[in-house]
Amino acid sequence: MQLTKFIEKQEKTLIQASKELGFNYEDLRRYCAGLVIPRPDRMQKIYDWSGGEVTANDFYERAE
């Protein structure tokens, strides 16, 4: 599942999600927009935070 869709599903804002993840807002916005692919340590944090619903593959599938 794409990160943006997961955040919407949880009825959270990007600001709330960024605080929960410990990321700054702008980094999270870029991940959601597909402008930047998170580093492996951040991908792991997103995976854990989403309960495994957002995986590393979800960031690469968008590029097609």
PDB file of N, CA and C in Angstrom:
ATOM      1  N   MET A   1       0.846  -1.166   0.000  1.00  0.00           N
ATOM      2  CA  MET A   1       0.000   0.000   0.000  1.00  0.00           C
ATOM      3  C   MET A   1       0.898   1.238   0.000  1.00  0.00           C
ATOM      4  N   GLN A   2       0.521   2.225  -0.766  1.00  0.00           N
ATOM      5  CA  GLN A   2       1.304   3.452  -0.798  1.00  0.00           C
ATOM      6  C   GLN A   2       1.182   4.184   0.534  1.00  0.00           C
ATOM      7  N   LEU A   3       2.235   4.866   0.909  1.00  0.00           N
ATOM      8  CA  LEU A   3       2.278   5.570   2.183  1.00  0.00           C
ATOM      9  C   LEU A   3       1.145   6.579   2.307  1.00  0.00           C
ATOM     10  N   THR A   4       0.886   7.324   1.250  1.00  0.00           N
ATOM     11  CA  THR A   4      -0.191   8.317   1.282  1.00  0.00           C
ATOM     12  C   THR A   4      -1.527   7.663   1.582  1.00  0.00           C
ATOM     13  N   LYS A   5      -1.797   6.528   0.938  1.00  0.00           N
ATOM     14  CA  LYS A   5      -3.067   5.834   1.156  1.00  0.00           C
ATOM     15  C   LYS A   5      -3.164   5.301   2.576  1.00  0.00           C
ATOM     16  N   PHE A   6      -2.046   4.830   3.119  1.00  0.00           N
ATOM     17  CA  PHE A   6      -2.069   4.332   4.489  1.00  0.00           C
ATOM     18  C   PHE A   6      -2.373   5.472   5.462  1.00  0.00           C
ATOM     19  N   ILE A   7      -1.745   6.621   5.255  1.00  0.00           N
ATOM     20  CA  ILE A   7      -1.993   7.768   6.130  1.00  0.00           C
ATOM     21  C   ILE A   7      -3.449   8.196   6.043  1.00  0.00           C
ATOM     22  N   GLU A   8      -4.006   8.225   4.837  1.00  0.00           N
ATOM     23  CA  GLU A   8      -5.425   8.574   4.664  1.00  0.00           C
ATOM     24  C   GLU A   8      -6.318   7.548   5.341  1.00  0.00           C
ATOM     25  N   LYS A   9      -5.993   6.276   5.198  1.00  0.00           N
ATOM     26  CA  LYS A   9      -6.768   5.198   5.816  1.00  0.00           C
ATOM     27  C   LYS A   9      -6.808   5.357   7.339  1.00  0.00           C
ATOM     28  N   GLN A  10      -5.699   5.823   7.897  1.00  0.00           N
ATOM     29  CA  GLN A  10      -5.624   6.028   9.348  1.00  0.00           C
ATOM     30  C   GLN A  10      -6.262   7.349   9.778  1.00  0.00           C
ATOM     31  N   GLU A  11      -6.744   8.118   8.792  1.00  0.00           N
ATOM     32  CA  GLU A  11      -7.367   9.425   9.028  1.00  0.00           C
ATOM     33  C   GLU A  11      -6.421  10.350   9.790  1.00  0.00           C
ATOM     34  N   LYS A  12      -5.176  10.363   9.326  1.00  0.00           N
ATOM     35  CA  LYS A  12      -4.155  11.220   9.912  1.00  0.00           C
ATOM     36  C   LYS A  12      -3.728  12.260   8.888  1.00  0.00           C
ATOM     37  N   THR A  13      -3.156  13.318   9.375  1.00  0.00           N
ATOM     38  CA  THR A  13      -2.556  14.311   8.486  1.00  0.00           C
ATOM     39  C   THR A  13      -1.076  13.968   8.327  1.00  0.00           C
ATOM     40  N   LEU A  14      -0.445  14.579   7.339  1.00  0.00           N
ATOM     41  CA  LEU A  14       0.999  14.378   7.181  1.00  0.00           C
ATOM     42  C   LEU A  14       1.750  14.885   8.406  1.00  0.00           C
ATOM     43  N   ILE A  15       1.248  15.935   9.011  1.00  0.00           N
ATOM     44  CA  ILE A  15       1.905  16.468  10.208  1.00  0.00           C
ATOM     45  C   ILE A  15       1.844  15.447  11.342  1.00  0.00           C
ATOM     46  N   GLN A  16       0.666  14.852  11.561  1.00  0.00           N
ATOM     47  CA  GLN A  16       0.534  13.842  12.610  1.00  0.00           C
ATOM     48  C   GLN A  16       1.436  12.655  12.333  1.00  0.00           C
ATOM     49  N   ALA A  17       1.410  12.177  11.096  1.00  0.00           N
ATOM     50  CA  ALA A  17       2.218  11.010  10.727  1.00  0.00           C
ATOM     51  C   ALA A  17       3.708  11.316  10.878  1.00  0.00           C
ATOM     52  N   SER A  18       4.123  12.506  10.479  1.00  0.00           N
ATOM     53  CA  SER A  18       5.545  12.844  10.586  1.00  0.00           C
ATOM     54  C   SER A  18       5.986  12.883  12.050  1.00  0.00           C
ATOM     55  N   LYS A  19       5.134  13.367  12.927  1.00  0.00           N
ATOM     56  CA  LYS A  19       5.467  13.390  14.355  1.00  0.00           C
ATOM     57  C   LYS A  19       5.565  11.970  14.909  1.00  0.00           C
ATOM     58  N   GLU A  20       4.616  11.119  14.530  1.00  0.00           N
ATOM     59  CA  GLU A  20       4.637   9.742  15.013  1.00  0.00           C
ATOM     60  C   GLU A  20       5.872   8.989  14.522  1.00  0.00           C
ATOM     61  N   LEU A  21       6.280   9.263  13.299  1.00  0.00           N
ATOM     62  CA  LEU A  21       7.450   8.595  12.729  1.00  0.00           C
ATOM     63  C   LEU A  21       8.773   9.225  13.169  1.00  0.00           C
ATOM     64  N   GLY A  22       8.707  10.458  13.647  1.00  0.00           N
ATOM     65  CA  GLY A  22       9.923  11.161  14.030  1.00  0.00           C
ATOM     66  C   GLY A  22      10.667  11.743  12.836  1.00  0.00           C
ATOM     67  N   PHE A  23       9.939  11.977  11.728  1.00  0.00           N
ATOM     68  CA  PHE A  23      10.507  12.568  10.522  1.00  0.00           C
ATOM     69  C   PHE A  23      10.060  14.022  10.458  1.00  0.00           C
ATOM     70  N   ASN A  24      10.827  14.851   9.748  1.00  0.00           N
ATOM     71  CA  ASN A  24      10.300  16.197   9.560  1.00  0.00           C
ATOM     72  C   ASN A  24       9.240  16.140   8.460  1.00  0.00           C
ATOM     73  N   TYR A  25       8.331  17.093   8.520  1.00  0.00           N
ATOM     74  CA  TYR A  25       7.185  17.122   7.620  1.00  0.00           C
ATOM     75  C   TYR A  25       7.606  17.093   6.149  1.00  0.00           C
ATOM     76  N   GLU A  26       8.595  17.891   5.795  1.00  0.00           N
ATOM     77  CA  GLU A  26       8.999  18.002   4.387  1.00  0.00           C
ATOM     78  C   GLU A  26       9.526  16.677   3.839  1.00  0.00           C
ATOM     79  N   ASP A  27      10.272  15.937   4.643  1.00  0.00           N
ATOM     80  CA  ASP A  27      10.751  14.620   4.203  1.00  0.00           C
ATOM     81  C   ASP A  27       9.566  13.698   3.919  1.00  0.00           C
ATOM     82  N   LEU A  28       8.613  13.661   4.836  1.00  0.00           N
ATOM     83  CA  LEU A  28       7.455  12.783   4.650  1.00  0.00           C
ATOM     84  C   LEU A  28       6.639  13.208   3.425  1.00  0.00           C
ATOM     85  N   ARG A  29       6.490  14.494   3.220  1.00  0.00           N
ATOM     86  CA  ARG A  29       5.748  14.988   2.050  1.00  0.00           C
ATOM     87  C   ARG A  29       6.421  14.526   0.768  1.00  0.00           C
ATOM     88  N   ARG A  30       7.749  14.562   0.730  1.00  0.00           N
ATOM     89  CA  ARG A  30       8.484  14.127  -0.466  1.00  0.00           C
ATOM     90  C   ARG A  30       8.342  12.623  -0.683  1.00  0.00           C
ATOM     91  N   TYR A  31       8.340  11.850   0.395  1.00  0.00           N
ATOM     92  CA  TYR A  31       8.134  10.395   0.257  1.00  0.00           C
ATOM     93  C   TYR A  31       6.746  10.119  -0.322  1.00  0.00           C
ATOM     94  N   CYS A  32       5.751  10.808   0.209  1.00  0.00           N
ATOM     95  CA  CYS A  32       4.377  10.595  -0.251  1.00  0.00           C
ATOM     96  C   CYS A  32       4.185  11.029  -1.698  1.00  0.00           C
ATOM     97  N   ALA A  33       4.863  12.067  -2.102  1.00  0.00           N
ATOM     98  CA  ALA A  33       4.746  12.582  -3.473  1.00  0.00           C
ATOM     99  C   ALA A  33       5.567  11.771  -4.472  1.00  0.00           C
ATOM    100  N   GLY A  34       6.393  10.858  -3.968  1.00  0.00           N
ATOM    101  CA  GLY A  34       7.211  10.049  -4.857  1.00  0.00           C
ATOM    102  C   GLY A  34       8.436  10.784  -5.374  1.00  0.00           C
ATOM    103  N   LEU A  35       8.788  11.887  -4.740  1.00  0.00           N
ATOM    104  CA  LEU A  35       9.944  12.661  -5.170  1.00  0.00           C
ATOM    105  C   LEU A  35      11.251  12.072  -4.660  1.00  0.00           C
ATOM    106  N   VAL A  36      11.172  11.387  -3.523  1.00  0.00           N
ATOM    107  CA  VAL A  36      12.346  10.819  -2.876  1.00  0.00           C
ATOM    108  C   VAL A  36      11.983   9.442  -2.337  1.00  0.00           C
ATOM    109  N   ILE A  37      12.909   8.512  -2.444  1.00  0.00           N
ATOM    110  CA  ILE A  37      12.720   7.183  -1.853  1.00  0.00           C
ATOM    111  C   ILE A  37      13.453   7.182  -0.509  1.00  0.00           C
ATOM    112  N   PRO A  38      12.771   6.779   0.556  1.00  0.00           N
ATOM    113  CA  PRO A  38      13.417   6.795   1.876  1.00  0.00           C
ATOM    114  C   PRO A  38      14.626   5.868   1.943  1.00  0.00           C
ATOM    115  N   ARG A  39      15.574   6.260   2.780  1.00  0.00           N
ATOM    116  CA  ARG A  39      16.728   5.393   3.065  1.00  0.00           C
ATOM    117  C   ARG A  39      16.225   4.122   3.742  1.00  0.00           C
ATOM    118  N   PRO A  40      17.005   3.048   3.691  1.00  0.00           N
ATOM    119  CA  PRO A  40      16.564   1.776   4.281  1.00  0.00           C
ATOM    120  C   PRO A  40      16.137   1.874   5.747  1.00  0.00           C
ATOM    121  N   ASP A  41      16.840   2.672   6.559  1.00  0.00           N
ATOM    122  CA  ASP A  41      16.459   2.779   7.970  1.00  0.00           C
ATOM    123  C   ASP A  41      15.095   3.448   8.127  1.00  0.00           C
ATOM    124  N   ARG A  42      14.806   4.397   7.263  1.00  0.00           N
ATOM    125  CA  ARG A  42      13.493   5.058   7.318  1.00  0.00           C
ATOM    126  C   ARG A  42      12.401   4.155   6.744  1.00  0.00           C
ATOM    127  N   MET A  43      12.732   3.392   5.716  1.00  0.00           N
ATOM    128  CA  MET A  43      11.758   2.432   5.187  1.00  0.00           C
ATOM    129  C   MET A  43      11.361   1.441   6.272  1.00  0.00           C
ATOM    130  N   GLN A  44      12.341   0.997   7.051  1.00  0.00           N
ATOM    131  CA  GLN A  44      12.057   0.058   8.139  1.00  0.00           C
ATOM    132  C   GLN A  44      11.128   0.695   9.169  1.00  0.00           C
ATOM    133  N   LYS A  45      11.370   1.947   9.480  1.00  0.00           N
ATOM    134  CA  LYS A  45      10.531   2.652  10.445  1.00  0.00           C
ATOM    135  C   LYS A  45       9.099   2.780   9.924  1.00  0.00           C
ATOM    136  N   ILE A  46       8.958   3.102   8.637  1.00  0.00           N
ATOM    137  CA  ILE A  46       7.630   3.211   8.020  1.00  0.00           C
ATOM    138  C   ILE A  46       6.939   1.849   8.024  1.00  0.00           C
ATOM    139  N   TYR A  47       7.677   0.810   7.684  1.00  0.00           N
ATOM    140  CA  TYR A  47       7.133  -0.552   7.676  1.00  0.00           C
ATOM    141  C   TYR A  47       6.619  -0.923   9.072  1.00  0.00           C
ATOM    142  N   ASP A  48       7.422  -0.681  10.084  1.00  0.00           N
ATOM    143  CA  ASP A  48       7.024  -1.004  11.457  1.00  0.00           C
ATOM    144  C   ASP A  48       5.824  -0.172  11.886  1.00  0.00           C
ATOM    145  N   TRP A  49       5.854   1.116  11.595  1.00  0.00           N
ATOM    146  CA  TRP A  49       4.782   2.033  11.981  1.00  0.00           C
ATOM    147  C   TRP A  49       3.453   1.647  11.322  1.00  0.00           C
ATOM    148  N   SER A  50       3.533   1.164  10.083  1.00  0.00           N
ATOM    149  CA  SER A  50       2.305   0.806   9.352  1.00  0.00           C
ATOM    150  C   SER A  50       1.862  -0.630   9.618  1.00  0.00           C
ATOM    151  N   GLY A  51       2.545  -1.308  10.489  1.00  0.00           N
ATOM    152  CA  GLY A  51       2.187  -2.699  10.766  1.00  0.00           C
ATOM    153  C   GLY A  51       2.437  -3.603   9.573  1.00  0.00           C
ATOM    154  N   GLY A  52       3.389  -3.225   8.729  1.00  0.00           N
ATOM    155  CA  GLY A  52       3.738  -4.026   7.566  1.00  0.00           C
ATOM    156  C   GLY A  52       2.905  -3.748   6.327  1.00  0.00           C
ATOM    157  N   GLU A  53       2.006  -2.772   6.400  1.00  0.00           N
ATOM    158  CA  GLU A  53       1.155  -2.474   5.237  1.00  0.00           C
ATOM    159  C   GLU A  53       1.885  -1.676   4.163  1.00  0.00           C
ATOM    160  N   VAL A  54       2.872  -0.888   4.550  1.00  0.00           N
ATOM    161  CA  VAL A  54       3.666  -0.122   3.584  1.00  0.00           C
ATOM    162  C   VAL A  54       5.047  -0.761   3.560  1.00  0.00           C
ATOM    163  N   THR A  55       5.421  -1.278   2.395  1.00  0.00           N
ATOM    164  CA  THR A  55       6.702  -1.970   2.259  1.00  0.00           C
ATOM    165  C   THR A  55       7.645  -1.174   1.359  1.00  0.00           C
ATOM    166  N   ALA A  56       8.884  -1.578   1.332  1.00  0.00           N
ATOM    167  CA  ALA A  56       9.865  -0.918   0.466  1.00  0.00           C
ATOM    168  C   ALA A  56       9.421  -0.980  -0.991  1.00  0.00           C
ATOM    169  N   ASN A  57       8.838  -2.081  -1.402  1.00  0.00           N
ATOM    170  CA  ASN A  57       8.381  -2.223  -2.789  1.00  0.00           C
ATOM    171  C   ASN A  57       7.363  -1.160  -3.177  1.00  0.00           C
ATOM    172  N   ASP A  58       6.583  -0.698  -2.219  1.00  0.00           N
ATOM    173  CA  ASP A  58       5.566   0.310  -2.513  1.00  0.00           C
ATOM    174  C   ASP A  58       6.179   1.625  -2.984  1.00  0.00           C
ATOM    175  N   PHE A  59       7.402   1.895  -2.611  1.00  0.00           N
ATOM    176  CA  PHE A  59       8.061   3.124  -3.044  1.00  0.00           C
ATOM    177  C   PHE A  59       8.618   2.981  -4.462  1.00  0.00           C
ATOM    178  N   TYR A  60       8.912   1.760  -4.875  1.00  0.00           N
ATOM    179  CA  TYR A  60       9.477   1.521  -6.215  1.00  0.00           C
ATOM    180  C   TYR A  60       8.414   1.281  -7.268  1.00  0.00           C
ATOM    181  N   GLU A  61       7.290   0.716  -6.884  1.00  0.00           N
ATOM    182  CA  GLU A  61       6.222   0.444  -7.853  1.00  0.00           C
ATOM    183  C   GLU A  61       5.667   1.720  -8.454  1.00  0.00           C
ATOM    184  N   ARG A  62       5.683   2.790  -7.722  1.00  0.00           N
ATOM    185  CA  ARG A  62       5.140   4.066  -8.165  1.00  0.00           C
ATOM    186  C   ARG A  62       5.911   4.627  -9.359  1.00  0.00           C
ATOM    187  N   ALA A  63       7.174   4.262  -9.483  1.00  0.00           N
ATOM    188  CA  ALA A  63       8.006   4.820 -10.542  1.00  0.00           C
ATOM    189  C   ALA A  63       7.643   4.301 -11.930  1.00  0.00           C
ATOM    190  N   GLU A  64       6.836   3.277 -12.018  1.00  0.00           N
ATOM    191  CA  GLU A  64       6.485   2.681 -13.328  1.00  0.00           C
ATOM    192  C   GLU A  64       5.528   3.552 -14.098  1.00  0.00           C
TER     193      GLU A  64
END
